[in-house]
C-alpha atoms as a PDB file:
ATOM      1  CA  MET A   1     134.089 263.303 145.509  1.00  0.00           C
ATOM      2  CA  PRO A   2     136.458 264.689 148.213  1.00  0.00           C
ATOM      3  CA  GLU A   3     134.100 263.339 150.904  1.00  0.00           C
ATOM      4  CA  LEU A   4     134.075 259.904 149.251  1.00  0.00           C
ATOM      5  CA  GLN A   5     137.870 259.854 149.021  1.00  0.00           C
ATOM      6  CA  ALA A   6     138.153 260.817 152.666  1.00  0.00           C
ATOM      7  CA  ARG A   7     136.210 257.732 153.689  1.00  0.00           C
ATOM      8  CA  VAL A   8     138.538 255.345 151.811  1.00  0.00           C
ATOM      9  CA  PRO A   9     141.232 254.059 154.204  1.00  0.00           C
ATOM     10  CA  ASP A  10     144.888 254.124 153.222  1.00  0.00           C
ATOM     11  CA  PRO A  11     146.479 250.808 152.217  1.00  0.00           C
ATOM     12  CA  VAL A  12     148.118 248.872 155.014  1.00  0.00           C
ATOM     13  CA  PRO A  13     151.884 249.575 154.880  1.00  0.00           C
ATOM     14  CA  ASP A  14     153.889 246.731 153.340  1.00  0.00           C
ATOM     15  CA  GLY A  15     156.402 246.180 156.111  1.00  0.00           C
ATOM     16  CA  ASN A  16     159.644 244.301 155.528  1.00  0.00           C
ATOM     17  CA  ARG A  17     159.298 242.108 158.611  1.00  0.00           C
ATOM     18  CA  ARG A  18     156.153 240.006 158.354  1.00  0.00           C
ATOM     19  CA  SER A  19     155.161 236.516 159.403  1.00  0.00           C
ATOM     20  CA  TYR A  20     155.893 233.672 156.998  1.00  0.00           C
ATOM     21  CA  PHE A  21     152.635 231.923 157.907  1.00  0.00           C
ATOM     22  CA  ASP A  22     150.665 233.146 154.870  1.00  0.00           C
ATOM     23  CA  LEU A  23     153.508 232.174 152.511  1.00  0.00           C
ATOM     24  CA  VAL A  24     153.820 228.662 153.969  1.00  0.00           C
ATOM     25  CA  GLN A  25     150.035 228.266 153.891  1.00  0.00           C
ATOM     26  CA  ALA A  26     149.811 229.406 150.250  1.00  0.00           C
ATOM     27  CA  VAL A  27     152.538 227.002 149.079  1.00  0.00           C
ATOM     28  CA  PHE A  28     150.936 224.221 151.127  1.00  0.00           C
ATOM     29  CA  CYS A  29     147.542 224.744 149.427  1.00  0.00           C
ATOM     30  CA  GLY A  30     149.108 225.119 145.965  1.00  0.00           C
ATOM     31  CA  LEU A  31     150.997 221.835 146.242  1.00  0.00           C
ATOM     32  CA  LEU A  32     147.802 220.124 147.362  1.00  0.00           C
ATOM     33  CA  LEU A  33     145.819 221.317 144.324  1.00  0.00           C
ATOM     34  CA  ILE A  34     148.576 220.415 141.840  1.00  0.00           C
ATOM     35  CA  SER A  35     148.927 216.967 143.414  1.00  0.00           C
ATOM     36  CA  ASN A  36     145.185 216.307 143.185  1.00  0.00           C
ATOM     37  CA  ILE A  37     145.285 216.768 139.419  1.00  0.00           C
ATOM     38  CA  GLY A  38     148.528 214.800 139.019  1.00  0.00           C
ATOM     39  CA  ALA A  39     147.029 211.923 140.978  1.00  0.00           C
ATOM     40  CA  THR A  40     144.557 211.174 138.159  1.00  0.00           C
ATOM     41  CA  LYS A  41     147.349 209.306 136.336  1.00  0.00           C
ATOM     42  CA  LEU A  42     148.619 205.942 137.557  1.00  0.00           C
ATOM     43  CA  ILE A  43     152.339 205.432 136.917  1.00  0.00           C
ATOM     44  CA  ALA A  44     154.262 202.142 136.817  1.00  0.00           C
ATOM     45  CA  PHE A  45     158.059 201.811 136.927  1.00  0.00           C
ATOM     46  CA  GLY A  46     159.833 198.621 135.871  1.00  0.00           C
ATOM     47  CA  PRO A  47     158.907 195.304 134.228  1.00  0.00           C
ATOM     48  CA  ARG A  48     156.420 192.847 135.716  1.00  0.00           C
ATOM     49  CA  VAL A  49     158.134 190.633 138.298  1.00  0.00           C
ATOM     50  CA  GLU A  50     156.294 188.234 140.604  1.00  0.00           C
ATOM     51  CA  LEU A  51     157.383 186.553 143.828  1.00  0.00           C
ATOM     52  CA  GLY A  52     155.250 183.582 144.814  1.00  0.00           C
ATOM     53  CA  GLY A  53     152.524 184.784 142.490  1.00  0.00           C
ATOM     54  CA  PHE A  54     152.474 188.279 144.023  1.00  0.00           C
ATOM     55  CA  PRO A  55     153.715 191.145 141.817  1.00  0.00           C
ATOM     56  CA  ILE A  56     156.617 193.087 143.349  1.00  0.00           C
ATOM     57  CA  LEU A  57     157.268 194.994 140.122  1.00  0.00           C
ATOM     58  CA  PRO A  58     156.325 197.234 138.482  1.00  0.00           C
ATOM     59  CA  ILE A  59     156.288 199.834 141.232  1.00  0.00           C
ATOM     60  CA  VAL A  60     152.849 201.438 141.032  1.00  0.00           C
ATOM     61  CA  THR A  61     152.200 205.026 142.099  1.00  0.00           C
ATOM     62  CA  ASP A  62     150.447 208.107 140.724  1.00  0.00           C
ATOM     63  CA  GLY A  63     151.358 211.562 139.487  1.00  0.00           C
ATOM     64  CA  GLY A  64     150.572 213.102 142.857  1.00  0.00           C
ATOM     65  CA  ALA A  65     153.662 211.401 144.286  1.00  0.00           C
ATOM     66  CA  PHE A  66     155.913 214.060 142.757  1.00  0.00           C
ATOM     67  CA  LEU A  67     154.761 216.882 145.019  1.00  0.00           C
ATOM     68  CA  PHE A  68     152.275 215.579 147.583  1.00  0.00           C
ATOM     69  CA  PRO A  69     154.921 214.401 150.110  1.00  0.00           C
ATOM     70  CA  LEU A  70     156.044 218.030 150.342  1.00  0.00           C
ATOM     71  CA  THR A  71     152.644 218.954 151.808  1.00  0.00           C
ATOM     72  CA  TYR A  72     153.513 216.806 154.832  1.00  0.00           C
ATOM     73  CA  ILE A  73     156.828 218.576 155.228  1.00  0.00           C
ATOM     74  CA  LEU A  74     155.029 221.920 155.134  1.00  0.00           C
ATOM     75  CA  GLY A  75     152.387 220.501 157.482  1.00  0.00           C
ATOM     76  CA  ASP A  76     155.184 219.617 159.912  1.00  0.00           C
ATOM     77  CA  ILE A  77     156.505 223.171 159.658  1.00  0.00           C
ATOM     78  CA  LEU A  78     153.051 224.630 160.287  1.00  0.00           C
ATOM     79  CA  ALA A  79     152.416 222.442 163.342  1.00  0.00           C
ATOM     80  CA  GLU A  80     155.929 222.770 164.799  1.00  0.00           C
ATOM     81  CA  VAL A  81     156.303 226.533 164.335  1.00  0.00           C
ATOM     82  CA  TYR A  82     152.742 227.853 164.500  1.00  0.00           C
ATOM     83  CA  GLY A  83     150.959 225.256 166.628  1.00  0.00           C
ATOM     84  CA  LEU A  84     148.006 222.958 166.149  1.00  0.00           C
ATOM     85  CA  ARG A  85     145.340 225.678 165.865  1.00  0.00           C
ATOM     86  CA  ARG A  86     146.964 227.511 162.938  1.00  0.00           C
ATOM     87  CA  ALA A  87     148.047 224.273 161.273  1.00  0.00           C
ATOM     88  CA  ARG A  88     144.443 223.083 161.440  1.00  0.00           C
ATOM     89  CA  ARG A  89     143.355 226.374 159.857  1.00  0.00           C
ATOM     90  CA  ALA A  90     145.723 225.851 156.912  1.00  0.00           C
ATOM     91  CA  ILE A  91     144.566 222.250 156.516  1.00  0.00           C
ATOM     92  CA  LEU A  92     140.903 223.294 156.409  1.00  0.00           C
ATOM     93  CA  ILE A  93     141.623 226.070 153.889  1.00  0.00           C
ATOM     94  CA  GLY A  94     143.353 223.503 151.672  1.00  0.00           C
ATOM     95  CA  PHE A  95     140.326 221.244 152.069  1.00  0.00           C
ATOM     96  CA  ALA A  96     137.957 224.039 150.991  1.00  0.00           C
ATOM     97  CA  LEU A  97     140.064 224.950 147.941  1.00  0.00           C
ATOM     98  CA  ALA A  98     140.356 221.327 146.804  1.00  0.00           C
ATOM     99  CA  LEU A  99     136.596 220.946 147.159  1.00  0.00           C
ATOM    100  CA  LEU A 100     136.047 224.117 145.109  1.00  0.00           C
ATOM    101  CA  MET A 101     138.401 222.781 142.428  1.00  0.00           C
ATOM    102  CA  SER A 102     136.479 219.514 142.277  1.00  0.00           C
ATOM    103  CA  VAL A 103     133.096 221.230 141.966  1.00  0.00           C
ATOM    104  CA  THR A 104     134.470 223.574 139.274  1.00  0.00           C
ATOM    105  CA  PHE A 105     135.873 220.720 137.183  1.00  0.00           C
ATOM    106  CA  LEU A 106     132.610 218.833 137.598  1.00  0.00           C
ATOM    107  CA  ALA A 107     130.656 221.841 136.307  1.00  0.00           C
ATOM    108  CA  VAL A 108     133.050 222.383 133.389  1.00  0.00           C
ATOM    109  CA  ASP A 109     132.850 218.699 132.457  1.00  0.00           C
ATOM    110  CA  ALA A 110     129.039 218.825 132.486  1.00  0.00           C
ATOM    111  CA  ALA A 111     128.878 221.986 130.365  1.00  0.00           C
ATOM    112  CA  PRO A 112     128.270 221.411 126.618  1.00  0.00           C
ATOM    113  CA  ALA A 113     131.450 221.565 124.575  1.00  0.00           C
ATOM    114  CA  SER A 114     131.784 223.805 121.559  1.00  0.00           C
ATOM    115  CA  PRO A 115     131.323 221.886 118.275  1.00  0.00           C
ATOM    116  CA  ASP A 116     134.646 223.330 117.108  1.00  0.00           C
ATOM    117  CA  TRP A 117     136.591 221.959 120.120  1.00  0.00           C
ATOM    118  CA  PRO A 118     137.740 218.368 119.485  1.00  0.00           C
ATOM    119  CA  ASN A 119     139.131 217.571 122.950  1.00  0.00           C
ATOM    120  CA  ASN A 120     135.994 217.044 125.028  1.00  0.00           C
ATOM    121  CA  ASP A 121     136.519 213.278 125.301  1.00  0.00           C
ATOM    122  CA  ALA A 122     140.121 213.823 126.411  1.00  0.00           C
ATOM    123  CA  TRP A 123     138.989 216.360 129.012  1.00  0.00           C
ATOM    124  CA  HIS A 124     136.370 213.974 130.363  1.00  0.00           C
ATOM    125  CA  ALA A 125     138.768 211.011 130.385  1.00  0.00           C
ATOM    126  CA  VAL A 126     141.316 212.874 132.532  1.00  0.00           C
ATOM    127  CA  LEU A 127     139.709 215.745 134.419  1.00  0.00           C
ATOM    128  CA  GLY A 128     136.289 214.117 134.429  1.00  0.00           C
ATOM    129  CA  PHE A 129     137.887 211.604 136.792  1.00  0.00           C
ATOM    130  CA  VAL A 130     138.995 214.345 139.147  1.00  0.00           C
ATOM    131  CA  PRO A 131     135.859 214.381 141.390  1.00  0.00           C
ATOM    132  CA  ARG A 132     136.512 210.778 142.472  1.00  0.00           C
ATOM    133  CA  ILE A 133     140.190 211.543 142.972  1.00  0.00           C
ATOM    134  CA  VAL A 134     139.416 214.673 144.943  1.00  0.00           C
ATOM    135  CA  VAL A 135     136.901 212.883 147.189  1.00  0.00           C
ATOM    136  CA  ALA A 136     139.640 210.344 147.921  1.00  0.00           C
ATOM    137  CA  SER A 137     142.251 213.043 148.297  1.00  0.00           C
ATOM    138  CA  LEU A 138     140.061 215.252 150.489  1.00  0.00           C
ATOM    139  CA  LEU A 139     139.190 212.487 152.929  1.00  0.00           C
ATOM    140  CA  GLY A 140     142.700 211.031 152.973  1.00  0.00           C
ATOM    141  CA  TYR A 141     144.277 214.461 153.215  1.00  0.00           C
ATOM    142  CA  LEU A 142     141.979 215.606 156.009  1.00  0.00           C
ATOM    143  CA  VAL A 143     142.512 212.484 158.121  1.00  0.00           C
ATOM    144  CA  GLY A 144     146.226 212.246 157.361  1.00  0.00           C
ATOM    145  CA  GLN A 145     147.152 215.895 157.830  1.00  0.00           C
ATOM    146  CA  LEU A 146     145.145 216.310 161.024  1.00  0.00           C
ATOM    147  CA  LEU A 147     146.701 213.140 162.450  1.00  0.00           C
ATOM    148  CA  ASN A 148     150.149 214.311 161.351  1.00  0.00           C
ATOM    149  CA  ALA A 149     149.732 217.680 163.092  1.00  0.00           C
ATOM    150  CA  TYR A 150     148.116 216.168 166.189  1.00  0.00           C
ATOM    151  CA  VAL A 151     150.803 213.485 166.681  1.00  0.00           C
ATOM    152  CA  LEU A 152     153.619 216.000 166.212  1.00  0.00           C
ATOM    153  CA  VAL A 153     152.148 218.440 168.732  1.00  0.00           C
ATOM    154  CA  TRP A 154     151.154 215.654 171.161  1.00  0.00           C
ATOM    155  CA  ILE A 155     154.690 214.246 171.262  1.00  0.00           C
ATOM    156  CA  LYS A 156     156.106 217.738 171.771  1.00  0.00           C
ATOM    157  CA  ARG A 157     153.757 218.429 174.687  1.00  0.00           C
ATOM    158  CA  ARG A 158     154.428 215.052 176.283  1.00  0.00           C
ATOM    159  CA  TRP A 159     158.215 214.805 175.908  1.00  0.00           C
ATOM    160  CA  GLY A 160     159.335 218.374 175.289  1.00  0.00           C
ATOM    161  CA  ALA A 161     160.867 220.225 172.364  1.00  0.00           C
ATOM    162  CA  GLY A 162     163.919 217.961 171.967  1.00  0.00           C
ATOM    163  CA  ARG A 163     164.366 215.196 169.387  1.00  0.00           C
ATOM    164  CA  LEU A 164     162.588 216.954 166.566  1.00  0.00           C
ATOM    165  CA  TRP A 165     163.417 214.089 164.213  1.00  0.00           C
ATOM    166  CA  VAL A 166     161.335 211.693 166.343  1.00  0.00           C
ATOM    167  CA  ARG A 167     158.310 213.984 166.089  1.00  0.00           C
ATOM    168  CA  LEU A 168     158.719 214.517 162.365  1.00  0.00           C
ATOM    169  CA  ILE A 169     159.139 210.851 161.439  1.00  0.00           C
ATOM    170  CA  THR A 170     156.515 209.471 163.854  1.00  0.00           C
ATOM    171  CA  SER A 171     153.885 211.978 162.765  1.00  0.00           C
ATOM    172  CA  THR A 172     154.640 211.188 159.116  1.00  0.00           C
ATOM    173  CA  LEU A 173     154.418 207.421 159.671  1.00  0.00           C
ATOM    174  CA  VAL A 174     150.958 207.785 161.219  1.00  0.00           C
ATOM    175  CA  GLY A 175     149.605 210.539 158.978  1.00  0.00           C
ATOM    176  CA  GLU A 176     150.872 209.136 155.677  1.00  0.00           C
ATOM    177  CA  LEU A 177     149.602 205.642 156.477  1.00  0.00           C
ATOM    178  CA  ALA A 178     146.087 206.930 157.134  1.00  0.00           C
ATOM    179  CA  ASP A 179     146.225 209.221 154.095  1.00  0.00           C
ATOM    180  CA  THR A 180     147.518 206.504 151.756  1.00  0.00           C
ATOM    181  CA  LEU A 181     145.000 203.885 152.875  1.00  0.00           C
ATOM    182  CA  VAL A 182     141.993 206.188 152.550  1.00  0.00           C
ATOM    183  CA  PHE A 183     143.141 207.687 149.232  1.00  0.00           C
ATOM    184  CA  CYS A 184     144.040 204.429 147.504  1.00  0.00           C
ATOM    185  CA  LEU A 185     140.918 202.540 148.611  1.00  0.00           C
ATOM    186  CA  ILE A 186     138.657 205.313 147.317  1.00  0.00           C
ATOM    187  CA  ALA A 187     140.584 206.599 144.284  1.00  0.00           C
ATOM    188  CA  PHE A 188     141.355 203.245 142.691  1.00  0.00           C
ATOM    189  CA  GLY A 189     139.953 200.624 145.086  1.00  0.00           C
ATOM    190  CA  PRO A 190     136.586 199.126 146.024  1.00  0.00           C
ATOM    191  CA  LEU A 191     135.463 202.047 148.203  1.00  0.00           C
ATOM    192  CA  GLY A 192     135.466 204.282 145.124  1.00  0.00           C
ATOM    193  CA  ALA A 193     133.707 201.813 142.841  1.00  0.00           C
ATOM    194  CA  VAL A 194     130.387 203.475 143.696  1.00  0.00           C
ATOM    195  CA  PHE A 195     131.428 206.305 141.341  1.00  0.00           C
ATOM    196  CA  ASP A 196     131.915 204.262 138.190  1.00  0.00           C
ATOM    197  CA  GLY A 197     132.122 200.574 139.152  1.00  0.00           C
ATOM    198  CA  GLN A 198     135.861 200.483 138.421  1.00  0.00           C
ATOM    199  CA  SER A 199     138.587 199.174 140.721  1.00  0.00           C
ATOM    200  CA  ILE A 200     142.145 198.044 140.064  1.00  0.00           C
ATOM    201  CA  PRO A 201     143.072 194.416 140.984  1.00  0.00           C
ATOM    202  CA  TRP A 202     143.818 193.721 144.657  1.00  0.00           C
ATOM    203  CA  ASP A 203     147.453 192.757 144.080  1.00  0.00           C
ATOM    204  CA  THR A 204     148.065 196.033 142.250  1.00  0.00           C
ATOM    205  CA  LEU A 205     146.188 197.928 144.965  1.00  0.00           C
ATOM    206  CA  VAL A 206     148.332 196.427 147.749  1.00  0.00           C
ATOM    207  CA  ASN A 207     151.455 197.295 145.760  1.00  0.00           C
ATOM    208  CA  TYR A 208     150.111 200.815 145.253  1.00  0.00           C
ATOM    209  CA  ILE A 209     149.396 201.327 148.973  1.00  0.00           C
ATOM    210  CA  ALA A 210     152.729 199.910 150.144  1.00  0.00           C
ATOM    211  CA  VAL A 211     154.789 201.825 147.603  1.00  0.00           C
ATOM    212  CA  GLY A 212     152.929 205.072 148.294  1.00  0.00           C
ATOM    213  CA  TRP A 213     153.378 204.864 152.058  1.00  0.00           C
ATOM    214  CA  ILE A 214     157.046 203.811 151.977  1.00  0.00           C
ATOM    215  CA  TYR A 215     157.913 206.394 149.333  1.00  0.00           C
ATOM    216  CA  LYS A 216     156.298 209.285 151.223  1.00  0.00           C
ATOM    217  CA  VAL A 217     158.022 208.322 154.477  1.00  0.00           C
ATOM    218  CA  LEU A 218     161.360 208.041 152.684  1.00  0.00           C
ATOM    219  CA  VAL A 219     160.901 211.517 151.211  1.00  0.00           C
ATOM    220  CA  GLU A 220     160.361 212.844 154.739  1.00  0.00           C
ATOM    221  CA  VAL A 221     163.515 211.087 155.971  1.00  0.00           C
ATOM    222  CA  VAL A 222     165.643 212.287 153.048  1.00  0.00           C
ATOM    223  CA  MET A 223     164.323 215.826 153.461  1.00  0.00           C
ATOM    224  CA  LEU A 224     164.920 215.928 157.242  1.00  0.00           C
ATOM    225  CA  PRO A 225     167.998 218.195 156.979  1.00  0.00           C
ATOM    226  CA  VAL A 226     166.036 220.638 154.802  1.00  0.00           C
ATOM    227  CA  THR A 227     163.021 220.477 157.127  1.00  0.00           C
ATOM    228  CA  TYR A 228     165.260 221.118 160.141  1.00  0.00           C
ATOM    229  CA  TRP A 229     166.831 224.118 158.418  1.00  0.00           C
ATOM    230  CA  VAL A 230     163.498 225.594 157.302  1.00  0.00           C
ATOM    231  CA  ILE A 231     161.983 225.188 160.783  1.00  0.00           C
ATOM    232  CA  ARG A 232     165.006 226.867 162.354  1.00  0.00           C
ATOM    233  CA  VAL A 233     164.901 229.775 159.882  1.00  0.00           C
ATOM    234  CA  VAL A 234     161.145 230.277 160.218  1.00  0.00           C
ATOM    235  CA  LYS A 235     161.260 230.098 164.025  1.00  0.00           C
ATOM    236  CA  ARG A 236     164.053 232.673 164.130  1.00  0.00           C
ATOM    237  CA  HIS A 237     162.171 234.974 161.768  1.00  0.00           C
ATOM    238  CA  GLU A 238     158.907 234.664 163.703  1.00  0.00           C
ATOM    239  CA  ALA A 239     160.747 235.431 166.965  1.00  0.00           C
ATOM    240  CA  GLU A 240     162.199 238.589 165.382  1.00  0.00           C
ATOM    241  CA  VAL A 241     158.780 239.636 164.046  1.00  0.00           C
ATOM    242  CA  ALA A 242     157.226 239.099 167.480  1.00  0.00           C
ATOM    243  CA  HIS A 243     159.735 241.538 168.974  1.00  0.00           C
END
């Protein structure tokens, strides 16, 4: 027993001055997973109003809209502070976790329900839809987040570290547009009809895409002061840790 204990290494000391990268990455991945589940519900705000036969109300979005825009803010922080390589690592970890979640829900949905549990139909109706949502989310997220990080870093390399707001907004415009198009066309549009043959009407789909993109960009703009402050704090902390 003493020999066995001698071979067990001591725990790594829990220092007070550590990098924030793991914390930012964990929150980033958590928000992604929560948003994937929330996105299974379509939400409409306002009465039906048409202009020239095209519906401008209600505003159509999904439950993922509550938190998903924050993943782009955290993606901006990862790319701006830690660089493209580490941002890409966080994005791919989020991708792997979302895929694992989808496969797990698919397995749970396929497993036989207990005769005493009356909610199997409700589970299937909501979380049974998750695989299609996650396929849409995974592809949209991967394309959008990688474009967001790449554009932010590319602008910084080309024009220098000034005008952070230009990098943040431009990268969001490009990344969120790609993300929204891919997600909406697969999750509720014709590209996802291969899963179950279902697709929402085109006018609703266009409304959904436009509202989603504009809303996410507006969240980025409104949150710019907070993003600036977080980037400044994290950069200062990482500089202190490095020394």
